[in-house]
Amino acid sequence: MATVSAARREWAEGDRRFAEATRDPSDADALHAQRDAVLEELRRRLGPTFTLAELADAYASSERWLREVVEERAPSRNWARTVSLAGDAAFHAYSRQAQDYAP
C-alpha cells in the first residue's frame, strides 16, 4: 500500500504543477493535449474498472510508454521536457475513477 500512497502523492504534486504550467497560455494547449493523450492510453490499458494498486502498477512502468504516446499523439515544442508533468496530471485525474478511490 505504500506504493499506492507514494504514487498518489506524486500524482497530486504533478497535477498541482500542471495547473501552474497551464496558466501560461503559450503552453496550455500543448500540455492539455499531452495529458489527454495519456488519459486515452490509460483508458486503453486499464479500461473503466481498475483499482488504485493497478493504476500504481501502470505508473511504475509508464516511463517508456508515456514518452512514446506523447511523441506520437501530442508532440509539441519541448514535449520531452513536459511529458512527466502531463503524465502525473493524467494519472491524478484517472485515479478518481478507481473502484477504491477515496479523497
N, C-alpha and C. Protein backbone atom coordinates (compact mmCIF):
# COMPACT_ATOMS: atom_id res chain seq x y z
N MET A 1 0.81 -1.20 0.00
CA MET A 1 0.00 0.00 0.00
C MET A 1 0.86 1.27 0.00
N ALA A 2 2.09 1.16 0.46
CA ALA A 2 2.98 2.33 0.45
C ALA A 2 3.21 2.81 -0.97
N THR A 3 3.26 1.88 -1.93
CA THR A 3 3.47 2.25 -3.32
C THR A 3 2.30 3.10 -3.82
N VAL A 4 1.09 2.73 -3.47
CA VAL A 4 -0.08 3.49 -3.87
C VAL A 4 -0.05 4.88 -3.24
N SER A 5 0.28 4.94 -1.97
CA SER A 5 0.34 6.24 -1.28
C SER A 5 1.40 7.15 -1.90
N ALA A 6 2.55 6.59 -2.17
CA ALA A 6 3.63 7.38 -2.78
C ALA A 6 3.23 7.85 -4.17
N ALA A 7 2.63 6.96 -4.95
CA ALA A 7 2.20 7.33 -6.30
C ALA A 7 1.16 8.43 -6.24
N ARG A 8 0.21 8.31 -5.33
CA ARG A 8 -0.83 9.35 -5.22
C ARG A 8 -0.24 10.70 -4.87
N ARG A 9 0.77 10.71 -4.00
CA ARG A 9 1.43 11.98 -3.68
C ARG A 9 2.12 12.56 -4.91
N GLU A 10 2.79 11.72 -5.68
CA GLU A 10 3.44 12.20 -6.91
C GLU A 10 2.42 12.73 -7.90
N TRP A 11 1.31 12.02 -8.05
CA TRP A 11 0.26 12.46 -8.99
C TRP A 11 -0.32 13.81 -8.56
N ALA A 12 -0.58 13.95 -7.27
CA ALA A 12 -1.16 15.21 -6.77
C ALA A 12 -0.19 16.37 -6.97
N GLU A 13 1.09 16.14 -6.68
CA GLU A 13 2.09 17.19 -6.88
C GLU A 13 2.22 17.52 -8.36
N GLY A 14 2.22 16.50 -9.21
CA GLY A 14 2.28 16.73 -10.65
C GLY A 14 1.07 17.49 -11.16
N ASP A 15 -0.09 17.17 -10.62
CA ASP A 15 -1.31 17.88 -11.02
C ASP A 15 -1.25 19.35 -10.60
N ARG A 16 -0.70 19.61 -9.43
CA ARG A 16 -0.54 21.00 -8.96
C ARG A 16 0.41 21.75 -9.89
N ARG A 17 1.53 21.13 -10.25
CA ARG A 17 2.49 21.77 -11.16
C ARG A 17 1.90 21.93 -12.56
N PHE A 18 1.09 20.96 -12.98
CA PHE A 18 0.41 21.04 -14.28
C PHE A 18 -0.53 22.26 -14.30
N ALA A 19 -1.29 22.44 -13.23
CA ALA A 19 -2.20 23.59 -13.14
C ALA A 19 -1.43 24.90 -13.22
N GLU A 20 -0.29 24.96 -12.56
CA GLU A 20 0.54 26.16 -12.64
C GLU A 20 1.05 26.40 -14.06
N ALA A 21 1.54 25.34 -14.69
CA ALA A 21 2.12 25.46 -16.03
C ALA A 21 1.08 25.84 -17.07
N THR A 22 -0.15 25.40 -16.89
CA THR A 22 -1.18 25.71 -17.89
C THR A 22 -1.74 27.11 -17.74
N ARG A 23 -1.30 27.84 -16.75
CA ARG A 23 -1.69 29.25 -16.64
C ARG A 23 -1.05 30.08 -17.74
N ASP A 24 0.06 29.59 -18.25
CA ASP A 24 0.75 30.27 -19.35
C ASP A 24 0.07 29.86 -20.65
N PRO A 25 -0.63 30.79 -21.30
CA PRO A 25 -1.39 30.44 -22.50
C PRO A 25 -0.54 29.86 -23.62
N SER A 26 0.74 30.20 -23.65
CA SER A 26 1.59 29.68 -24.72
C SER A 26 1.89 28.18 -24.55
N ASP A 27 1.71 27.66 -23.35
CA ASP A 27 1.96 26.25 -23.08
C ASP A 27 0.70 25.43 -22.85
N ALA A 28 -0.39 26.08 -22.53
CA ALA A 28 -1.60 25.39 -22.08
C ALA A 28 -2.13 24.37 -23.08
N ASP A 29 -2.28 24.76 -24.34
CA ASP A 29 -2.86 23.84 -25.32
C ASP A 29 -2.02 22.58 -25.48
N ALA A 30 -0.71 22.74 -25.58
CA ALA A 30 0.17 21.58 -25.75
C ALA A 30 0.12 20.67 -24.52
N LEU A 31 0.13 21.26 -23.33
CA LEU A 31 0.08 20.45 -22.11
C LEU A 31 -1.25 19.70 -21.99
N HIS A 32 -2.33 20.35 -22.32
CA HIS A 32 -3.63 19.67 -22.27
C HIS A 32 -3.69 18.54 -23.29
N ALA A 33 -3.13 18.75 -24.45
CA ALA A 33 -3.10 17.69 -25.47
C ALA A 33 -2.27 16.51 -24.99
N GLN A 34 -1.15 16.78 -24.33
CA GLN A 34 -0.33 15.70 -23.79
C GLN A 34 -1.09 14.93 -22.71
N ARG A 35 -1.69 15.64 -21.78
CA ARG A 35 -2.45 14.98 -20.71
C ARG A 35 -3.59 14.15 -21.30
N ASP A 36 -4.29 14.69 -22.29
CA ASP A 36 -5.40 13.96 -22.90
C ASP A 36 -4.92 12.70 -23.61
N ALA A 37 -3.75 12.76 -24.24
CA ALA A 37 -3.19 11.58 -24.90
C ALA A 37 -2.88 10.49 -23.88
N VAL A 38 -2.35 10.89 -22.73
CA VAL A 38 -2.04 9.92 -21.68
C VAL A 38 -3.33 9.35 -21.09
N LEU A 39 -4.34 10.17 -20.89
CA LEU A 39 -5.63 9.68 -20.39
C LEU A 39 -6.22 8.65 -21.35
N GLU A 40 -6.15 8.93 -22.62
CA GLU A 40 -6.64 7.99 -23.63
C GLU A 40 -5.90 6.66 -23.54
N GLU A 41 -4.61 6.72 -23.36
CA GLU A 41 -3.81 5.50 -23.25
C GLU A 41 -4.13 4.74 -21.96
N LEU A 42 -4.36 5.46 -20.87
CA LEU A 42 -4.75 4.80 -19.62
C LEU A 42 -6.09 4.08 -19.79
N ARG A 43 -7.02 4.71 -20.47
CA ARG A 43 -8.31 4.04 -20.73
C ARG A 43 -8.11 2.77 -21.53
N ARG A 44 -7.22 2.83 -22.51
CA ARG A 44 -6.95 1.66 -23.33
C ARG A 44 -6.27 0.56 -22.51
N ARG A 45 -5.32 0.93 -21.68
CA ARG A 45 -4.54 -0.06 -20.92
C ARG A 45 -5.30 -0.64 -19.74
N LEU A 46 -6.06 0.18 -19.03
CA LEU A 46 -6.71 -0.27 -17.80
C LEU A 46 -8.22 -0.48 -17.93
N GLY A 47 -8.82 0.18 -18.90
CA GLY A 47 -10.26 0.08 -19.03
C GLY A 47 -10.98 0.87 -17.96
N PRO A 48 -12.29 0.70 -17.89
CA PRO A 48 -13.08 1.50 -16.95
C PRO A 48 -13.09 0.97 -15.51
N THR A 49 -12.67 -0.28 -15.32
CA THR A 49 -12.72 -0.89 -13.99
C THR A 49 -11.31 -1.24 -13.55
N PHE A 50 -10.83 -0.54 -12.51
CA PHE A 50 -9.46 -0.74 -12.03
C PHE A 50 -9.37 -0.25 -10.60
N THR A 51 -8.32 -0.65 -9.93
CA THR A 51 -8.06 -0.20 -8.57
C THR A 51 -6.86 0.76 -8.57
N LEU A 52 -6.69 1.43 -7.46
CA LEU A 52 -5.53 2.32 -7.33
C LEU A 52 -4.23 1.53 -7.40
N ALA A 53 -4.21 0.31 -6.88
CA ALA A 53 -3.00 -0.51 -6.97
C ALA A 53 -2.67 -0.85 -8.42
N GLU A 54 -3.67 -1.14 -9.21
CA GLU A 54 -3.44 -1.42 -10.63
C GLU A 54 -2.93 -0.17 -11.34
N LEU A 55 -3.49 0.97 -10.99
CA LEU A 55 -3.03 2.23 -11.58
C LEU A 55 -1.59 2.53 -11.16
N ALA A 56 -1.28 2.29 -9.90
CA ALA A 56 0.10 2.50 -9.42
C ALA A 56 1.07 1.56 -10.14
N ASP A 57 0.65 0.33 -10.42
CA ASP A 57 1.50 -0.59 -11.18
C ASP A 57 1.75 -0.05 -12.58
N ALA A 58 0.70 0.47 -13.21
CA ALA A 58 0.85 1.06 -14.55
C ALA A 58 1.80 2.25 -14.49
N TYR A 59 1.71 3.03 -13.44
CA TYR A 59 2.57 4.20 -13.26
C TYR A 59 4.03 3.78 -13.12
N ALA A 60 4.27 2.71 -12.38
CA ALA A 60 5.63 2.25 -12.14
C ALA A 60 6.34 1.86 -13.44
N SER A 61 5.57 1.45 -14.42
CA SER A 61 6.18 1.04 -15.69
C SER A 61 5.85 2.00 -16.83
N SER A 62 5.47 3.22 -16.50
CA SER A 62 4.97 4.15 -17.52
C SER A 62 6.02 4.99 -18.23
N GLU A 63 7.21 5.05 -17.72
CA GLU A 63 8.19 5.99 -18.28
C GLU A 63 8.38 5.80 -19.79
N ARG A 64 8.55 4.57 -20.21
CA ARG A 64 8.79 4.30 -21.63
C ARG A 64 7.56 4.61 -22.48
N TRP A 65 6.40 4.10 -22.08
CA TRP A 65 5.24 4.29 -22.94
C TRP A 65 4.70 5.72 -22.89
N LEU A 66 4.91 6.43 -21.79
CA LEU A 66 4.49 7.84 -21.74
C LEU A 66 5.16 8.64 -22.85
N ARG A 67 6.45 8.47 -22.97
CA ARG A 67 7.21 9.20 -24.00
C ARG A 67 6.71 8.83 -25.39
N GLU A 68 6.48 7.54 -25.62
CA GLU A 68 6.00 7.09 -26.92
C GLU A 68 4.63 7.67 -27.26
N VAL A 69 3.73 7.65 -26.30
CA VAL A 69 2.37 8.15 -26.50
C VAL A 69 2.38 9.64 -26.81
N VAL A 70 3.10 10.41 -26.02
CA VAL A 70 3.12 11.86 -26.23
C VAL A 70 3.83 12.21 -27.53
N GLU A 71 4.93 11.54 -27.81
CA GLU A 71 5.65 11.83 -29.04
C GLU A 71 4.78 11.51 -30.27
N GLU A 72 4.02 10.44 -30.18
CA GLU A 72 3.19 10.02 -31.32
C GLU A 72 1.89 10.83 -31.45
N ARG A 73 1.24 11.12 -30.33
CA ARG A 73 -0.11 11.71 -30.39
C ARG A 73 -0.18 13.19 -30.06
N ALA A 74 0.82 13.72 -29.36
CA ALA A 74 0.73 15.13 -28.94
C ALA A 74 2.09 15.79 -28.88
N PRO A 75 2.90 15.63 -29.93
CA PRO A 75 4.22 16.27 -29.88
C PRO A 75 4.07 17.79 -29.99
N SER A 76 4.95 18.47 -29.34
CA SER A 76 4.97 19.93 -29.40
C SER A 76 6.39 20.38 -29.09
N ARG A 77 6.60 21.66 -29.20
CA ARG A 77 7.90 22.22 -28.82
C ARG A 77 8.16 21.86 -27.36
N ASN A 78 9.30 21.30 -27.08
CA ASN A 78 9.71 20.94 -25.72
C ASN A 78 8.86 19.83 -25.08
N TRP A 79 8.20 19.00 -25.89
CA TRP A 79 7.34 17.97 -25.32
C TRP A 79 8.11 17.03 -24.39
N ALA A 80 9.35 16.74 -24.69
CA ALA A 80 10.12 15.81 -23.85
C ALA A 80 10.34 16.37 -22.44
N ARG A 81 10.35 17.67 -22.33
CA ARG A 81 10.55 18.33 -21.03
C ARG A 81 9.29 18.28 -20.17
N THR A 82 8.12 18.18 -20.79
CA THR A 82 6.86 18.26 -20.03
C THR A 82 6.09 16.95 -19.97
N VAL A 83 6.62 15.90 -20.56
CA VAL A 83 5.87 14.64 -20.63
C VAL A 83 5.57 14.08 -19.23
N SER A 84 6.50 14.14 -18.32
CA SER A 84 6.24 13.58 -16.98
C SER A 84 5.20 14.42 -16.23
N LEU A 85 5.21 15.71 -16.45
CA LEU A 85 4.22 16.60 -15.85
C LEU A 85 2.81 16.25 -16.34
N ALA A 86 2.67 16.11 -17.65
CA ALA A 86 1.38 15.74 -18.22
C ALA A 86 0.98 14.34 -17.77
N GLY A 87 1.95 13.44 -17.66
CA GLY A 87 1.66 12.08 -17.20
C GLY A 87 1.14 12.07 -15.78
N ASP A 88 1.80 12.77 -14.88
CA ASP A 88 1.33 12.82 -13.49
C ASP A 88 -0.07 13.40 -13.40
N ALA A 89 -0.33 14.46 -14.15
CA ALA A 89 -1.66 15.07 -14.13
C ALA A 89 -2.71 14.09 -14.66
N ALA A 90 -2.36 13.32 -15.67
CA ALA A 90 -3.30 12.33 -16.22
C ALA A 90 -3.57 11.22 -15.21
N PHE A 91 -2.51 10.72 -14.59
CA PHE A 91 -2.71 9.67 -13.58
C PHE A 91 -3.56 10.19 -12.43
N HIS A 92 -3.31 11.42 -12.02
CA HIS A 92 -4.09 12.02 -10.93
C HIS A 92 -5.58 12.08 -11.31
N ALA A 93 -5.86 12.57 -12.50
CA ALA A 93 -7.25 12.66 -12.95
C ALA A 93 -7.89 11.27 -13.07
N TYR A 94 -7.16 10.32 -13.62
CA TYR A 94 -7.70 8.98 -13.84
C TYR A 94 -7.92 8.25 -12.52
N SER A 95 -7.12 8.56 -11.51
CA SER A 95 -7.23 7.87 -10.22
C SER A 95 -8.60 8.08 -9.59
N ARG A 96 -9.25 9.16 -9.91
CA ARG A 96 -10.56 9.46 -9.33
C ARG A 96 -11.64 8.49 -9.81
N GLN A 97 -11.33 7.72 -10.86
CA GLN A 97 -12.29 6.75 -11.37
C GLN A 97 -12.03 5.34 -10.84
N ALA A 98 -11.01 5.18 -10.02
CA ALA A 98 -10.68 3.86 -9.46
C ALA A 98 -11.79 3.37 -8.55
N GLN A 99 -12.00 2.07 -8.55
CA GLN A 99 -13.04 1.47 -7.73
C GLN A 99 -12.86 1.79 -6.24
N ASP A 100 -11.62 1.88 -5.81
CA ASP A 100 -11.34 2.10 -4.40
C ASP A 100 -10.87 3.52 -4.10
N TYR A 101 -11.19 4.46 -4.98
CA TYR A 101 -10.76 5.85 -4.78
C TYR A 101 -11.44 6.45 -3.55
N ALA A 102 -10.66 7.14 -2.77
CA ALA A 102 -11.17 7.95 -1.65
C ALA A 102 -10.26 9.17 -1.57
N PRO A 103 -10.83 10.36 -1.47
CA PRO A 103 -10.00 11.57 -1.40
C PRO A 103 -9.05 11.58 -0.23
